[in-house]
Amino acid sequence: MICHNKNIGDDLNKFILKTLTPILLAGHISAAPIVDIEDIRRSGEVGSFKDLSFALSGSRGNENRDNIDLSLSFVSNNLNSEKLFVYEKSERTKDDLIEDESSFMHARILWKNSNKPFDFETYFQNSENPFQRYKKREIYGFGLRFSDLKKFKLGLSLLNENEKSLSDITKKTDRINIYLFKKVNFENNTSVSLTTFIQPSINEISDDYKYSFSASYRINISEQFSIKFKLSESYDSDPPDLADESDQAFVTSFNYSF
């Protein structure tokens, strides 16, 4: 979707750069990564694509802190299928000592179904995130993706989730996974992307559910280089150990496509 009002994009640029940049550059990731699947997968394009994203923030003075986030993604698309692999690594250091680090891996394969309004897809995800008191979280699932909807893209799937907390408490859950994606492109090489995941437990829909939301604003400097501002929130009605139910995150990343 392309918005032809250039003034809207220009106003967003001014707002982001003048108001949010100082906040975002000082921030760090505090929650599990939310994968912008549709923003990464380059659906409809044929070929192999690679993206590298890097974010760095820190402070000096009473405490020397550095927060680093690195993300790599690989996409391989042909006329029959689309393959996606994402790896992210986050690290917090204080006075040159590592306080926390997390890792995240997501792999996904989609098989195109030209005779139907939906495609089939399967995915696997592995993460280690002490920020949310997870020692390990693994999920795998399969389902459908609807890409011909006029206003947004929709994914419906079933997933199996295996979690282990920092206290070594394990939990296995079967969930329904719903994701919604909306992207608006502006004429001045900028875009806004909205991604929502809703994951209720099949056995305890009202008592055990998760959701996440992210809003990204991307400024394309060139065909290969872009800057992305991202705000996100994650909610878990039954978090591990004594973790908070809700986490917010904000980050400014510099992205290179090759």
C-alpha atoms as a PDB file:
ATOM      1  CA  MET A   1       0.000   0.000   0.000  1.00  0.00           C
ATOM      2  CA  ILE A   2       1.431   3.389  -1.041  1.00  0.00           C
ATOM      3  CA  CYS A   3       0.316   6.649   0.510  1.00  0.00           C
ATOM      4  CA  HIS A   4       0.492   9.472  -2.042  1.00  0.00           C
ATOM      5  CA  ASN A   5       0.492  12.251   0.523  1.00  0.00           C
ATOM      6  CA  LYS A   6       4.178  13.123   0.718  1.00  0.00           C
ATOM      7  CA  ASN A   7       3.587  15.603   3.527  1.00  0.00           C
ATOM      8  CA  ILE A   8       2.534  12.764   5.858  1.00  0.00           C
ATOM      9  CA  GLY A   9       5.855  10.993   5.350  1.00  0.00           C
ATOM     10  CA  ASP A  10       7.803  14.226   5.776  1.00  0.00           C
ATOM     11  CA  ASP A  11       5.979  15.032   9.013  1.00  0.00           C
ATOM     12  CA  LEU A  12       6.699  11.511  10.323  1.00  0.00           C
ATOM     13  CA  ASN A  13      10.382  11.942   9.503  1.00  0.00           C
ATOM     14  CA  LYS A  14      10.556  15.200  11.440  1.00  0.00           C
ATOM     15  CA  PHE A  15       8.700  13.725  14.411  1.00  0.00           C
ATOM     16  CA  ILE A  16      10.859  10.584  14.574  1.00  0.00           C
ATOM     17  CA  LEU A  17      14.183  12.332  14.081  1.00  0.00           C
ATOM     18  CA  LYS A  18      13.534  15.288  16.413  1.00  0.00           C
ATOM     19  CA  THR A  19      11.465  13.648  19.150  1.00  0.00           C
ATOM     20  CA  LEU A  20      12.135   9.896  19.344  1.00  0.00           C
ATOM     21  CA  THR A  21      15.763   9.611  18.249  1.00  0.00           C
ATOM     22  CA  PRO A  22      17.325  10.803  21.547  1.00  0.00           C
ATOM     23  CA  ILE A  23      15.114   8.366  23.459  1.00  0.00           C
ATOM     24  CA  LEU A  24      15.647   5.412  21.167  1.00  0.00           C
ATOM     25  CA  LEU A  25      19.380   5.850  20.844  1.00  0.00           C
ATOM     26  CA  ALA A  26      19.644   5.732  24.613  1.00  0.00           C
ATOM     27  CA  GLY A  27      17.511   2.631  24.898  1.00  0.00           C
ATOM     28  CA  HIS A  28      18.182  -1.054  24.656  1.00  0.00           C
ATOM     29  CA  ILE A  29      16.249  -4.188  24.009  1.00  0.00           C
ATOM     30  CA  SER A  30      14.556  -5.463  27.155  1.00  0.00           C
ATOM     31  CA  ALA A  31      12.200  -8.057  25.742  1.00  0.00           C
ATOM     32  CA  ALA A  32      12.254 -11.001  23.395  1.00  0.00           C
ATOM     33  CA  PRO A  33      12.637 -10.096  19.741  1.00  0.00           C
ATOM     34  CA  ILE A  34       9.450  -9.837  17.746  1.00  0.00           C
ATOM     35  CA  VAL A  35      10.092 -11.056  14.219  1.00  0.00           C
ATOM     36  CA  ASP A  36       8.635  -8.824  11.520  1.00  0.00           C
ATOM     37  CA  ILE A  37       8.040 -11.826   9.292  1.00  0.00           C
ATOM     38  CA  GLU A  38       6.379 -10.029   6.406  1.00  0.00           C
ATOM     39  CA  ASP A  39       8.900  -7.193   6.505  1.00  0.00           C
ATOM     40  CA  ILE A  40      11.797  -9.644   6.149  1.00  0.00           C
ATOM     41  CA  ARG A  41      10.529 -12.390   3.865  1.00  0.00           C
ATOM     42  CA  ARG A  42      10.339 -10.266   0.649  1.00  0.00           C
ATOM     43  CA  SER A  43       7.215 -12.076  -0.440  1.00  0.00           C
ATOM     44  CA  GLY A  44       6.649 -11.943  -4.192  1.00  0.00           C
ATOM     45  CA  GLU A  45      10.344 -11.387  -4.964  1.00  0.00           C
ATOM     46  CA  VAL A  46      12.449 -14.176  -6.468  1.00  0.00           C
ATOM     47  CA  GLY A  47      16.093 -14.645  -5.469  1.00  0.00           C
ATOM     48  CA  SER A  48      18.371 -14.795  -2.436  1.00  0.00           C
ATOM     49  CA  PHE A  49      18.578 -11.878  -0.016  1.00  0.00           C
ATOM     50  CA  LYS A  50      20.640 -11.137   3.092  1.00  0.00           C
ATOM     51  CA  ASP A  51      20.186  -8.411   5.700  1.00  0.00           C
ATOM     52  CA  LEU A  52      22.421  -7.265   8.544  1.00  0.00           C
ATOM     53  CA  SER A  53      21.096  -5.055  11.370  1.00  0.00           C
ATOM     54  CA  PHE A  54      23.122  -3.490  14.147  1.00  0.00           C
ATOM     55  CA  ALA A  55      22.128  -1.422  17.178  1.00  0.00           C
ATOM     56  CA  LEU A  56      24.413  -0.003  19.874  1.00  0.00           C
ATOM     57  CA  SER A  57      23.711   2.130  22.922  1.00  0.00           C
ATOM     58  CA  GLY A  58      25.741   2.921  26.026  1.00  0.00           C
ATOM     59  CA  SER A  59      26.632   5.293  28.823  1.00  0.00           C
ATOM     60  CA  ARG A  60      29.811   6.575  30.445  1.00  0.00           C
ATOM     61  CA  GLY A  61      30.389   8.174  33.846  1.00  0.00           C
ATOM     62  CA  ASN A  62      29.387   6.590  37.150  1.00  0.00           C
ATOM     63  CA  GLU A  63      28.766   3.348  35.245  1.00  0.00           C
ATOM     64  CA  ASN A  64      30.131   2.223  31.905  1.00  0.00           C
ATOM     65  CA  ARG A  65      27.356   0.392  30.069  1.00  0.00           C
ATOM     66  CA  ASP A  66      27.092  -0.972  26.548  1.00  0.00           C
ATOM     67  CA  ASN A  67      24.073  -2.647  24.944  1.00  0.00           C
ATOM     68  CA  ILE A  68      24.554  -4.407  21.617  1.00  0.00           C
ATOM     69  CA  ASP A  69      22.020  -6.018  19.307  1.00  0.00           C
ATOM     70  CA  LEU A  70      22.998  -7.856  16.116  1.00  0.00           C
ATOM     71  CA  SER A  71      20.594  -9.443  13.651  1.00  0.00           C
ATOM     72  CA  LEU A  72      21.217 -11.515  10.509  1.00  0.00           C
ATOM     73  CA  SER A  73      18.522 -12.699   8.123  1.00  0.00           C
ATOM     74  CA  PHE A  74      18.665 -14.921   5.041  1.00  0.00           C
ATOM     75  CA  VAL A  75      15.837 -15.249   2.518  1.00  0.00           C
ATOM     76  CA  SER A  76      15.628 -17.624  -0.442  1.00  0.00           C
ATOM     77  CA  ASN A  77      12.535 -17.332  -2.645  1.00  0.00           C
ATOM     78  CA  ASN A  78      11.492 -19.070  -5.849  1.00  0.00           C
ATOM     79  CA  LEU A  79       8.218 -19.532  -7.718  1.00  0.00           C
ATOM     80  CA  ASN A  80       7.142 -22.419  -5.465  1.00  0.00           C
ATOM     81  CA  SER A  81       8.393 -21.586  -1.973  1.00  0.00           C
ATOM     82  CA  GLU A  82       9.815 -18.942   0.338  1.00  0.00           C
ATOM     83  CA  LYS A  83      12.456 -19.721   2.976  1.00  0.00           C
ATOM     84  CA  LEU A  84      13.435 -17.451   5.861  1.00  0.00           C
ATOM     85  CA  PHE A  85      16.106 -17.694   8.559  1.00  0.00           C
ATOM     86  CA  VAL A  86      16.734 -15.066  11.260  1.00  0.00           C
ATOM     87  CA  TYR A  87      19.361 -15.008  14.016  1.00  0.00           C
ATOM     88  CA  GLU A  88      19.596 -12.306  16.681  1.00  0.00           C
ATOM     89  CA  LYS A  89      22.040 -11.769  19.519  1.00  0.00           C
ATOM     90  CA  SER A  90      21.700  -9.214  22.330  1.00  0.00           C
ATOM     91  CA  GLU A  91      24.235  -8.406  25.033  1.00  0.00           C
ATOM     92  CA  ARG A  92      24.383  -6.075  28.022  1.00  0.00           C
ATOM     93  CA  THR A  93      27.685  -5.192  29.657  1.00  0.00           C
ATOM     94  CA  LYS A  94      28.535  -3.124  32.715  1.00  0.00           C
ATOM     95  CA  ASP A  95      32.126  -2.032  33.358  1.00  0.00           C
ATOM     96  CA  ASP A  96      33.278  -4.516  30.677  1.00  0.00           C
ATOM     97  CA  LEU A  97      31.489  -7.422  32.397  1.00  0.00           C
ATOM     98  CA  ILE A  98      28.584  -9.199  30.695  1.00  0.00           C
ATOM     99  CA  GLU A  99      25.402  -8.836  32.782  1.00  0.00           C
ATOM    100  CA  ASP A 100      22.924 -10.478  30.410  1.00  0.00           C
ATOM    101  CA  GLU A 101      22.870 -11.900  26.926  1.00  0.00           C
ATOM    102  CA  SER A 102      20.129 -13.425  24.839  1.00  0.00           C
ATOM    103  CA  SER A 103      19.897 -15.262  21.533  1.00  0.00           C
ATOM    104  CA  PHE A 104      17.065 -15.847  19.121  1.00  0.00           C
ATOM    105  CA  MET A 105      16.687 -18.054  16.037  1.00  0.00           C
ATOM    106  CA  HIS A 106      13.677 -18.333  13.737  1.00  0.00           C
ATOM    107  CA  ALA A 107      13.342 -20.494  10.595  1.00  0.00           C
ATOM    108  CA  ARG A 108      10.276 -20.608   8.351  1.00  0.00           C
ATOM    109  CA  ILE A 109       9.275 -22.264   5.057  1.00  0.00           C
ATOM    110  CA  LEU A 110       6.228 -21.319   3.003  1.00  0.00           C
ATOM    111  CA  TRP A 111       4.837 -23.388   0.135  1.00  0.00           C
ATOM    112  CA  LYS A 112       2.847 -21.383  -2.396  1.00  0.00           C
ATOM    113  CA  ASN A 113      -0.613 -22.565  -3.367  1.00  0.00           C
ATOM    114  CA  SER A 114      -1.607 -20.686  -6.514  1.00  0.00           C
ATOM    115  CA  ASN A 115      -5.054 -22.286  -6.707  1.00  0.00           C
ATOM    116  CA  LYS A 116      -6.123 -21.255  -3.203  1.00  0.00           C
ATOM    117  CA  PRO A 117      -6.392 -17.934  -1.309  1.00  0.00           C
ATOM    118  CA  PHE A 118      -3.863 -19.238   1.232  1.00  0.00           C
ATOM    119  CA  ASP A 119      -0.381 -20.765   1.388  1.00  0.00           C
ATOM    120  CA  PHE A 120       1.000 -23.444   3.720  1.00  0.00           C
ATOM    121  CA  GLU A 121       3.870 -22.698   6.088  1.00  0.00           C
ATOM    122  CA  THR A 122       5.832 -24.266   8.928  1.00  0.00           C
ATOM    123  CA  TYR A 123       8.299 -22.709  11.363  1.00  0.00           C
ATOM    124  CA  PHE A 124      10.723 -23.395  14.213  1.00  0.00           C
ATOM    125  CA  GLN A 125      12.006 -20.980  16.840  1.00  0.00           C
ATOM    126  CA  ASN A 126      14.576 -21.204  19.621  1.00  0.00           C
ATOM    127  CA  SER A 127      15.407 -18.447  22.106  1.00  0.00           C
ATOM    128  CA  GLU A 128      17.335 -17.905  25.324  1.00  0.00           C
ATOM    129  CA  ASN A 129      16.235 -14.748  27.090  1.00  0.00           C
ATOM    130  CA  PRO A 130      17.173 -13.930  30.706  1.00  0.00           C
ATOM    131  CA  PHE A 131      15.579 -10.480  30.172  1.00  0.00           C
ATOM    132  CA  GLN A 132      12.227 -12.303  30.427  1.00  0.00           C
ATOM    133  CA  ARG A 133      13.624 -15.038  32.751  1.00  0.00           C
ATOM    134  CA  TYR A 134      13.630 -17.732  30.083  1.00  0.00           C
ATOM    135  CA  LYS A 135      16.532 -20.144  30.057  1.00  0.00           C
ATOM    136  CA  LYS A 136      15.166 -21.626  26.849  1.00  0.00           C
ATOM    137  CA  ARG A 137      11.999 -21.398  24.768  1.00  0.00           C
ATOM    138  CA  GLU A 138      11.356 -23.586  21.728  1.00  0.00           C
ATOM    139  CA  ILE A 139       8.337 -23.518  19.463  1.00  0.00           C
ATOM    140  CA  TYR A 140       7.398 -25.254  16.266  1.00  0.00           C
ATOM    141  CA  GLY A 141       4.198 -24.951  14.305  1.00  0.00           C
ATOM    142  CA  PHE A 142       2.394 -25.190  10.998  1.00  0.00           C
ATOM    143  CA  GLY A 143      -0.532 -23.378   9.453  1.00  0.00           C
ATOM    144  CA  LEU A 144      -1.865 -21.068   6.762  1.00  0.00           C
ATOM    145  CA  ARG A 145      -0.940 -17.617   5.485  1.00  0.00           C
ATOM    146  CA  PHE A 146      -3.487 -15.389   3.751  1.00  0.00           C
ATOM    147  CA  SER A 147      -1.735 -12.754   1.623  1.00  0.00           C
ATOM    148  CA  ASP A 148      -4.538 -11.652  -0.727  1.00  0.00           C
ATOM    149  CA  LEU A 149      -6.481  -9.692   1.877  1.00  0.00           C
ATOM    150  CA  LYS A 150      -6.824  -6.040   0.893  1.00  0.00           C
ATOM    151  CA  LYS A 151      -5.906  -4.274   4.127  1.00  0.00           C
ATOM    152  CA  PHE A 152      -3.509  -6.648   5.919  1.00  0.00           C
ATOM    153  CA  LYS A 153      -1.811 -10.048   5.866  1.00  0.00           C
ATOM    154  CA  LEU A 154      -3.022 -12.815   8.170  1.00  0.00           C
ATOM    155  CA  GLY A 155      -1.432 -16.003   9.492  1.00  0.00           C
ATOM    156  CA  LEU A 156      -3.237 -18.811  11.361  1.00  0.00           C
ATOM    157  CA  SER A 157      -1.377 -21.781  12.821  1.00  0.00           C
ATOM    158  CA  LEU A 158      -1.042 -24.282  15.656  1.00  0.00           C
ATOM    159  CA  LEU A 159       2.179 -24.341  17.649  1.00  0.00           C
ATOM    160  CA  ASN A 160       3.809 -26.413  20.367  1.00  0.00           C
ATOM    161  CA  GLU A 161       5.767 -24.462  22.979  1.00  0.00           C
ATOM    162  CA  ASN A 162       8.440 -25.822  25.330  1.00  0.00           C
ATOM    163  CA  GLU A 163       9.787 -23.454  27.972  1.00  0.00           C
ATOM    164  CA  LYS A 164      12.365 -23.703  30.749  1.00  0.00           C
ATOM    165  CA  SER A 165      12.724 -20.858  33.238  1.00  0.00           C
ATOM    166  CA  LEU A 166      15.897 -19.706  34.980  1.00  0.00           C
ATOM    167  CA  SER A 167      14.703 -21.793  37.950  1.00  0.00           C
ATOM    168  CA  ASP A 168      14.596 -24.876  35.685  1.00  0.00           C
ATOM    169  CA  ILE A 169      10.794 -25.030  35.773  1.00  0.00           C
ATOM    170  CA  THR A 170       9.532 -26.538  32.526  1.00  0.00           C
ATOM    171  CA  LYS A 171       6.221 -25.920  30.807  1.00  0.00           C
ATOM    172  CA  LYS A 172       4.763 -27.392  27.607  1.00  0.00           C
ATOM    173  CA  THR A 173       1.804 -25.747  25.921  1.00  0.00           C
ATOM    174  CA  ASP A 174      -0.143 -26.137  22.684  1.00  0.00           C
ATOM    175  CA  ARG A 175      -1.271 -22.777  21.371  1.00  0.00           C
ATOM    176  CA  ILE A 176      -3.229 -21.131  18.591  1.00  0.00           C
ATOM    177  CA  ASN A 177      -1.053 -18.594  16.793  1.00  0.00           C
ATOM    178  CA  ILE A 178      -2.571 -15.607  14.994  1.00  0.00           C
ATOM    179  CA  TYR A 179      -0.496 -12.893  13.377  1.00  0.00           C
ATOM    180  CA  LEU A 180      -1.567  -9.743  11.589  1.00  0.00           C
ATOM    181  CA  PHE A 181       0.652  -7.491   9.492  1.00  0.00           C
ATOM    182  CA  LYS A 182       0.002  -4.073   7.995  1.00  0.00           C
ATOM    183  CA  LYS A 183       2.466  -1.940   6.015  1.00  0.00           C
ATOM    184  CA  VAL A 184       2.054   1.571   4.630  1.00  0.00           C
ATOM    185  CA  ASN A 185       4.602   2.917   2.136  1.00  0.00           C
ATOM    186  CA  PHE A 186       5.122   6.635   1.597  1.00  0.00           C
ATOM    187  CA  GLU A 187       6.487   8.421  -1.473  1.00  0.00           C
ATOM    188  CA  ASN A 188       9.584   9.714   0.308  1.00  0.00           C
ATOM    189  CA  ASN A 189      11.174   6.235   0.755  1.00  0.00           C
ATOM    190  CA  THR A 190       9.749   5.667   4.208  1.00  0.00           C
ATOM    191  CA  SER A 191       7.292   3.105   5.552  1.00  0.00           C
ATOM    192  CA  VAL A 192       5.416   2.100   8.694  1.00  0.00           C
ATOM    193  CA  SER A 193       4.933  -1.581   9.618  1.00  0.00           C
ATOM    194  CA  LEU A 194       2.619  -2.961  12.310  1.00  0.00           C
ATOM    195  CA  THR A 195       2.886  -6.577  13.502  1.00  0.00           C
ATOM    196  CA  THR A 196       0.656  -8.319  16.057  1.00  0.00           C
ATOM    197  CA  PHE A 197       0.894 -11.876  17.453  1.00  0.00           C
ATOM    198  CA  ILE A 198      -1.869 -13.429  19.600  1.00  0.00           C
ATOM    199  CA  GLN A 199      -1.159 -16.854  21.151  1.00  0.00           C
ATOM    200  CA  PRO A 200      -3.805 -18.304  23.510  1.00  0.00           C
ATOM    201  CA  SER A 201      -3.391 -21.766  25.008  1.00  0.00           C
ATOM    202  CA  ILE A 202      -5.697 -24.325  23.435  1.00  0.00           C
ATOM    203  CA  ASN A 203      -6.580 -25.828  26.840  1.00  0.00           C
ATOM    204  CA  GLU A 204      -6.775 -22.576  28.860  1.00  0.00           C
ATOM    205  CA  ILE A 205      -7.669 -19.817  26.429  1.00  0.00           C
ATOM    206  CA  SER A 206      -8.787 -17.263  29.028  1.00  0.00           C
ATOM    207  CA  ASP A 207      -6.103 -17.993  31.670  1.00  0.00           C
ATOM    208  CA  ASP A 208      -2.967 -18.630  29.587  1.00  0.00           C
ATOM    209  CA  TYR A 209      -2.298 -16.404  26.620  1.00  0.00           C
ATOM    210  CA  LYS A 210       0.424 -14.257  25.103  1.00  0.00           C
ATOM    211  CA  TYR A 211       0.401 -11.356  22.722  1.00  0.00           C
ATOM    212  CA  SER A 212       2.980  -9.054  21.217  1.00  0.00           C
ATOM    213  CA  PHE A 213       2.826  -5.896  19.165  1.00  0.00           C
ATOM    214  CA  SER A 214       5.490  -3.954  17.312  1.00  0.00           C
ATOM    215  CA  ALA A 215       5.474  -0.737  15.303  1.00  0.00           C
ATOM    216  CA  SER A 216       8.409   0.005  13.005  1.00  0.00           C
ATOM    217  CA  TYR A 217       9.248   3.144  11.065  1.00  0.00           C
ATOM    218  CA  ARG A 218      11.832   2.645   8.330  1.00  0.00           C
ATOM    219  CA  ILE A 219      13.756   5.325   6.453  1.00  0.00           C
ATOM    220  CA  ASN A 220      15.412   4.034   3.282  1.00  0.00           C
ATOM    221  CA  ILE A 221      18.645   5.952   2.762  1.00  0.00           C
ATOM    222  CA  SER A 222      19.512   3.956  -0.359  1.00  0.00           C
ATOM    223  CA  GLU A 223      18.609   0.613  -1.935  1.00  0.00           C
ATOM    224  CA  GLN A 224      20.949  -1.154   0.483  1.00  0.00           C
ATOM    225  CA  PHE A 225      21.006   0.992   3.622  1.00  0.00           C
ATOM    226  CA  SER A 226      18.138   1.961   5.944  1.00  0.00           C
ATOM    227  CA  ILE A 227      17.439   3.102   9.500  1.00  0.00           C
ATOM    228  CA  LYS A 228      14.605   1.554  11.513  1.00  0.00           C
ATOM    229  CA  PHE A 229      12.947   2.800  14.685  1.00  0.00           C
ATOM    230  CA  LYS A 230      10.999   0.085  16.495  1.00  0.00           C
ATOM    231  CA  LEU A 231       8.693   0.091  19.512  1.00  0.00           C
ATOM    232  CA  SER A 232       7.267  -3.169  20.850  1.00  0.00           C
ATOM    233  CA  GLU A 233       5.352  -4.692  23.745  1.00  0.00           C
ATOM    234  CA  SER A 234       5.077  -8.326  24.840  1.00  0.00           C
ATOM    235  CA  TYR A 235       2.549  -9.725  27.323  1.00  0.00           C
ATOM    236  CA  ASP A 236       2.469 -13.137  29.028  1.00  0.00           C
ATOM    237  CA  SER A 237      -0.439 -13.915  31.368  1.00  0.00           C
ATOM    238  CA  ASP A 238       1.572 -16.725  32.981  1.00  0.00           C
ATOM    239  CA  PRO A 239       5.227 -15.598  32.946  1.00  0.00           C
ATOM    240  CA  PRO A 240       8.083 -17.767  34.280  1.00  0.00           C
ATOM    241  CA  ASP A 241       9.368 -17.374  37.848  1.00  0.00           C
ATOM    242  CA  LEU A 242       8.633 -13.859  39.146  1.00  0.00           C
ATOM    243  CA  ALA A 243       8.916 -12.082  35.813  1.00  0.00           C
ATOM    244  CA  ASP A 244       6.623  -9.189  34.938  1.00  0.00           C
ATOM    245  CA  GLU A 245       3.662  -9.969  32.726  1.00  0.00           C
ATOM    246  CA  SER A 246       4.436  -7.108  30.348  1.00  0.00           C
ATOM    247  CA  ASP A 247       7.663  -5.918  28.695  1.00  0.00           C
ATOM    248  CA  GLN A 248       8.281  -2.905  26.493  1.00  0.00           C
ATOM    249  CA  ALA A 249      11.232  -2.437  24.175  1.00  0.00           C
ATOM    250  CA  PHE A 250      12.568   0.291  21.934  1.00  0.00           C
ATOM    251  CA  VAL A 251      15.522   0.262  19.587  1.00  0.00           C
ATOM    252  CA  THR A 252      17.092   2.138  16.701  1.00  0.00           C
ATOM    253  CA  SER A 253      18.799  -0.181  14.206  1.00  0.00           C
ATOM    254  CA  PHE A 254      20.946   0.382  11.142  1.00  0.00           C
ATOM    255  CA  ASN A 255      20.235  -2.096   8.370  1.00  0.00           C
ATOM    256  CA  TYR A 256      22.301  -3.184   5.381  1.00  0.00           C
ATOM    257  CA  SER A 257      20.917  -5.413   2.589  1.00  0.00           C
ATOM    258  CA  PHE A 258      23.217  -7.363   0.289  1.00  0.00           C
END
